[in-house]
Amino acid sequence: MIGRMHRFTALTLVFALLFLFGCAERSLYSHRDQAWRQDAEAICLAKGGYEPSPFIQRMNRINGKGACGVYYPLKVSASLSGYVAFSTPATINCPMTSALDGWFYHVVEPAAQRIYGSYVREVRVAASYSCRTRNHKPGAKASEHSFGNAIDIAAFTLADGRTITVEGGWRGDRQDQAFLREVHTGACQLFTTVIGPNGDRYHIDHFHFDLARHNADNSYRYCK
């Protein structure tokens, strides 16, 4: 009898795991790619400025499972023509690459110079392209990471050697708090989704940026 109970419990666990995995799979397959994604990537590349360089390399199209994939992916190892290095190369699309350049140039570097008297020379990339659901939740919608349309930043290293982490600085030193809140707020003007430590428990140690289209005219911004 006990042996049957153990077998029943084991089978129940297996079926539960299969169900959860199936939910995640269905969420990636059911949220099909929209035509605007390919158009946005193609238009960005047509404008120029992202020819192959020591810091940006064009990759072959990524065809992931379900809706996942990137039409014209870029392997980016630094922003601002190499001035801001990435801790690890990011696989992202052209619009994200352009938005990041704008963020570093117009927001991050001016804030770093004013608050620290130094410039940001490297950022820690926590995530870029990954075929998965939002926050890895079974059954959730496909993450913008699934389209190379998102990046996660966990820390900033200054030219003088100091490193400011999102997790440690958000409620840490006053300078760090001021800097992180300024670059977070500034990002809300350049990305359509910005989530930081105040957003939810999944983002206590990094900033999430993406260019999702939340409504038909792409006017809505989600900033937490």
Protein backbone atom coordinates (compact mmCIF):
# COMPACT_ATOMS: atom_id res chain seq x y z
CA MET A 1 0.00 0.00 0.00
CA ILE A 2 2.83 2.36 0.95
CA GLY A 3 4.63 1.53 -2.28
CA ARG A 4 1.53 2.42 -4.29
CA MET A 5 1.21 5.71 -2.42
CA HIS A 6 4.83 6.60 -3.23
CA ARG A 7 4.27 5.75 -6.89
CA PHE A 8 1.08 7.83 -6.93
CA THR A 9 2.88 10.80 -5.33
CA ALA A 10 5.76 10.51 -7.79
CA LEU A 11 3.42 10.34 -10.78
CA THR A 12 1.46 13.33 -9.47
CA LEU A 13 4.68 15.35 -9.20
CA VAL A 14 5.74 14.37 -12.73
CA PHE A 15 2.37 15.36 -14.19
CA ALA A 16 2.45 18.66 -12.27
CA LEU A 17 5.90 19.48 -13.68
CA LEU A 18 4.79 18.54 -17.18
CA PHE A 19 1.74 20.76 -16.79
CA LEU A 20 3.83 23.74 -15.65
CA PHE A 21 6.33 23.19 -18.46
CA GLY A 22 3.46 22.92 -20.92
CA CYS A 23 2.00 26.20 -19.68
CA ALA A 24 5.30 27.96 -20.24
CA GLU A 25 5.60 26.43 -23.70
CA ARG A 26 2.06 27.43 -24.64
CA SER A 27 2.63 30.99 -23.46
CA LEU A 28 5.64 31.31 -25.77
CA TYR A 29 3.74 29.79 -28.68
CA SER A 30 0.45 31.59 -28.12
CA HIS A 31 1.80 35.14 -28.01
CA ARG A 32 2.83 35.30 -31.62
CA ASP A 33 5.28 37.81 -32.93
CA GLN A 34 3.81 41.06 -34.28
CA ALA A 35 4.78 42.49 -37.64
CA TRP A 36 6.01 45.73 -36.03
CA ARG A 37 9.04 43.96 -34.61
CA GLN A 38 10.65 43.19 -37.96
CA ASP A 39 9.73 46.64 -39.28
CA ALA A 40 11.27 48.38 -36.25
CA GLU A 41 14.51 46.43 -36.59
CA ALA A 42 14.76 46.96 -40.36
CA ILE A 43 14.04 50.70 -40.14
CA CYS A 44 16.63 51.15 -37.40
CA LEU A 45 19.31 49.40 -39.43
CA ALA A 46 18.35 51.31 -42.59
CA LYS A 47 19.11 54.57 -40.78
CA GLY A 48 22.73 53.49 -40.49
CA GLY A 49 25.13 53.94 -37.64
CA TYR A 50 25.40 50.28 -36.72
CA GLU A 51 27.77 48.89 -39.25
CA PRO A 52 30.01 46.06 -38.00
CA SER A 53 32.70 47.35 -35.64
CA PRO A 54 34.91 46.03 -32.84
CA PHE A 55 31.94 46.68 -30.52
CA ILE A 56 28.92 45.70 -32.62
CA GLN A 57 28.63 42.59 -34.77
CA ARG A 58 25.68 41.51 -36.86
CA MET A 59 24.49 37.98 -36.22
CA ASN A 60 22.38 35.52 -38.17
CA ARG A 61 18.65 35.63 -37.57
CA ILE A 62 17.64 33.89 -34.35
CA ASN A 63 14.71 31.51 -34.69
CA GLY A 64 13.74 30.42 -31.20
CA LYS A 65 10.92 28.17 -30.15
CA GLY A 66 7.42 29.52 -30.54
CA ALA A 67 7.38 33.28 -31.01
CA CYS A 68 10.95 33.72 -29.77
CA GLY A 69 13.60 35.14 -32.04
CA VAL A 70 15.30 38.24 -33.42
CA TYR A 71 15.18 39.18 -37.11
CA TYR A 72 18.43 41.16 -37.21
CA PRO A 73 20.27 40.52 -33.92
CA LEU A 74 23.35 42.41 -32.89
CA LYS A 75 26.10 41.25 -30.57
CA VAL A 76 26.98 44.38 -28.61
CA SER A 77 30.05 44.47 -26.37
CA ALA A 78 30.09 48.23 -25.69
CA SER A 79 28.03 51.37 -26.12
CA LEU A 80 28.95 54.85 -27.35
CA SER A 81 31.49 53.50 -29.86
CA GLY A 82 33.30 51.51 -27.20
CA TYR A 83 33.39 54.11 -24.43
CA VAL A 84 31.02 52.18 -22.13
CA ALA A 85 32.03 48.52 -22.02
CA PHE A 86 29.61 45.69 -21.28
CA SER A 87 30.67 43.06 -18.73
CA THR A 88 29.42 40.44 -21.17
CA PRO A 89 28.28 40.94 -24.78
CA ALA A 90 24.54 41.54 -25.13
CA THR A 91 22.43 40.01 -27.86
CA ILE A 92 19.86 42.69 -28.61
CA ASN A 93 18.13 44.27 -31.60
CA CYS A 94 18.98 47.56 -33.29
CA PRO A 95 16.30 49.70 -31.59
CA MET A 96 17.55 48.60 -28.15
CA THR A 97 21.14 49.35 -29.17
CA SER A 98 20.12 52.84 -30.26
CA ALA A 99 18.07 53.50 -27.11
CA LEU A 100 20.99 52.40 -24.93
CA ASP A 101 23.34 54.78 -26.74
CA GLY A 102 20.89 57.61 -26.10
CA TRP A 103 20.51 56.67 -22.46
CA PHE A 104 24.24 56.57 -21.80
CA TYR A 105 24.91 59.80 -23.69
CA HIS A 106 21.99 61.93 -22.48
CA VAL A 107 21.32 60.50 -19.01
CA VAL A 108 23.96 58.23 -17.50
CA GLU A 109 27.17 60.09 -18.27
CA PRO A 110 25.87 63.57 -17.33
CA ALA A 111 24.52 62.16 -14.04
CA ALA A 112 27.79 60.39 -13.24
CA GLN A 113 29.85 63.49 -13.98
CA ARG A 114 27.64 65.74 -11.87
CA ILE A 115 27.25 63.39 -8.89
CA TYR A 116 30.62 61.61 -8.80
CA GLY A 117 32.88 63.83 -10.88
CA SER A 118 33.66 60.80 -13.03
CA TYR A 119 32.21 58.89 -15.98
CA VAL A 120 30.74 55.41 -16.34
CA ARG A 121 33.13 53.18 -18.25
CA GLU A 122 31.47 49.78 -17.80
CA VAL A 123 28.09 48.28 -16.94
CA ARG A 124 27.25 44.83 -15.70
CA VAL A 125 24.81 43.17 -18.09
CA ALA A 126 22.59 40.73 -16.21
CA ALA A 127 20.51 39.54 -19.18
CA SER A 128 19.79 40.15 -22.86
CA TYR A 129 18.24 37.73 -25.38
CA SER A 130 16.64 34.72 -23.71
CA CYS A 131 13.63 32.71 -24.89
CA ARG A 132 11.48 32.71 -21.78
CA THR A 133 8.35 34.02 -20.13
CA ARG A 134 8.20 37.16 -18.00
CA ASN A 135 10.07 36.62 -14.73
CA HIS A 136 10.34 32.94 -15.74
CA LYS A 137 6.76 32.38 -14.59
CA PRO A 138 4.96 29.36 -16.12
CA GLY A 139 2.04 30.49 -18.25
CA ALA A 140 3.09 34.16 -18.30
CA LYS A 141 3.45 36.16 -21.51
CA ALA A 142 6.67 35.95 -23.47
CA SER A 143 9.29 38.33 -22.11
CA GLU A 144 10.70 41.05 -24.35
CA HIS A 145 14.01 39.30 -23.74
CA SER A 146 12.58 36.64 -26.07
CA PHE A 147 12.86 39.11 -28.96
CA GLY A 148 16.21 40.75 -28.14
CA ASN A 149 14.10 43.74 -27.22
CA ALA A 150 15.24 44.03 -23.60
CA ILE A 151 18.32 44.28 -21.42
CA ASP A 152 18.98 44.08 -17.67
CA ILE A 153 21.67 46.26 -16.06
CA ALA A 154 22.91 45.38 -12.56
CA ALA A 155 25.85 47.72 -11.90
CA PHE A 156 27.89 50.69 -13.11
CA THR A 157 31.68 51.03 -12.85
CA LEU A 158 33.19 54.51 -12.96
CA ALA A 159 36.45 55.59 -14.56
CA ASP A 160 37.91 56.08 -11.08
CA GLY A 161 37.25 52.44 -10.21
CA ARG A 162 34.14 52.81 -8.06
CA THR A 163 31.25 50.41 -8.72
CA ILE A 164 27.61 51.21 -7.98
CA THR A 165 25.29 48.22 -7.85
CA VAL A 166 21.54 48.55 -8.22
CA GLU A 167 20.94 46.22 -5.29
CA GLY A 168 23.37 47.89 -2.91
CA GLY A 169 22.97 51.49 -4.02
CA TRP A 170 19.22 51.88 -4.40
CA ARG A 171 18.83 52.26 -0.63
CA GLY A 172 22.50 52.80 0.16
CA ASP A 173 24.82 55.79 0.04
CA ARG A 174 23.09 59.11 -0.74
CA GLN A 175 25.19 59.68 -3.84
CA ASP A 176 24.42 56.21 -5.12
CA GLN A 177 20.72 56.67 -4.44
CA ALA A 178 20.71 59.98 -6.32
CA PHE A 179 22.59 58.54 -9.28
CA LEU A 180 20.49 55.38 -9.61
CA ARG A 181 17.21 57.25 -9.34
CA GLU A 182 18.31 59.79 -11.92
CA VAL A 183 19.36 57.17 -14.47
CA HIS A 184 16.18 55.19 -13.73
CA THR A 185 13.93 58.22 -14.26
CA GLY A 186 15.82 59.26 -17.38
CA ALA A 187 15.42 55.79 -18.85
CA CYS A 188 11.64 56.21 -18.70
CA GLN A 189 11.92 58.81 -21.47
CA LEU A 190 13.80 56.46 -23.81
CA PHE A 191 12.40 52.99 -23.12
CA THR A 192 8.75 51.96 -23.01
CA THR A 193 9.27 49.68 -20.01
CA VAL A 194 11.54 50.46 -17.06
CA ILE A 195 11.47 48.34 -13.90
CA GLY A 196 13.76 48.72 -10.90
CA PRO A 197 13.86 47.77 -7.21
CA ASN A 198 10.59 49.60 -6.49
CA GLY A 199 8.84 47.66 -9.24
CA ASP A 200 8.64 44.17 -7.78
CA ARG A 201 10.69 41.52 -6.00
CA TYR A 202 12.09 40.23 -9.28
CA HIS A 203 14.01 43.47 -9.91
CA ILE A 204 15.64 44.25 -6.57
CA ASP A 205 19.13 43.83 -8.03
CA HIS A 206 18.85 45.24 -11.55
CA PHE A 207 17.13 47.61 -13.94
CA HIS A 208 15.05 46.08 -16.71
CA PHE A 209 14.67 48.11 -19.91
CA ASP A 210 12.67 47.18 -23.00
CA LEU A 211 10.87 48.64 -26.00
CA ALA A 212 7.60 46.72 -25.85
CA ARG A 213 4.56 48.25 -27.52
CA HIS A 214 1.96 48.48 -24.76
CA ASN A 215 -0.73 50.09 -26.89
CA ALA A 216 -1.57 50.68 -30.55
CA ASP A 217 0.16 54.06 -30.95
CA ASN A 218 3.10 53.12 -28.71
CA SER A 219 2.44 56.12 -26.46
CA TYR A 220 2.17 54.30 -23.13
CA ARG A 221 5.20 54.02 -20.84
CA TYR A 222 5.50 51.60 -17.93
CA CYS A 223 7.94 53.02 -15.37
CA LYS A 224 8.28 51.49 -11.91
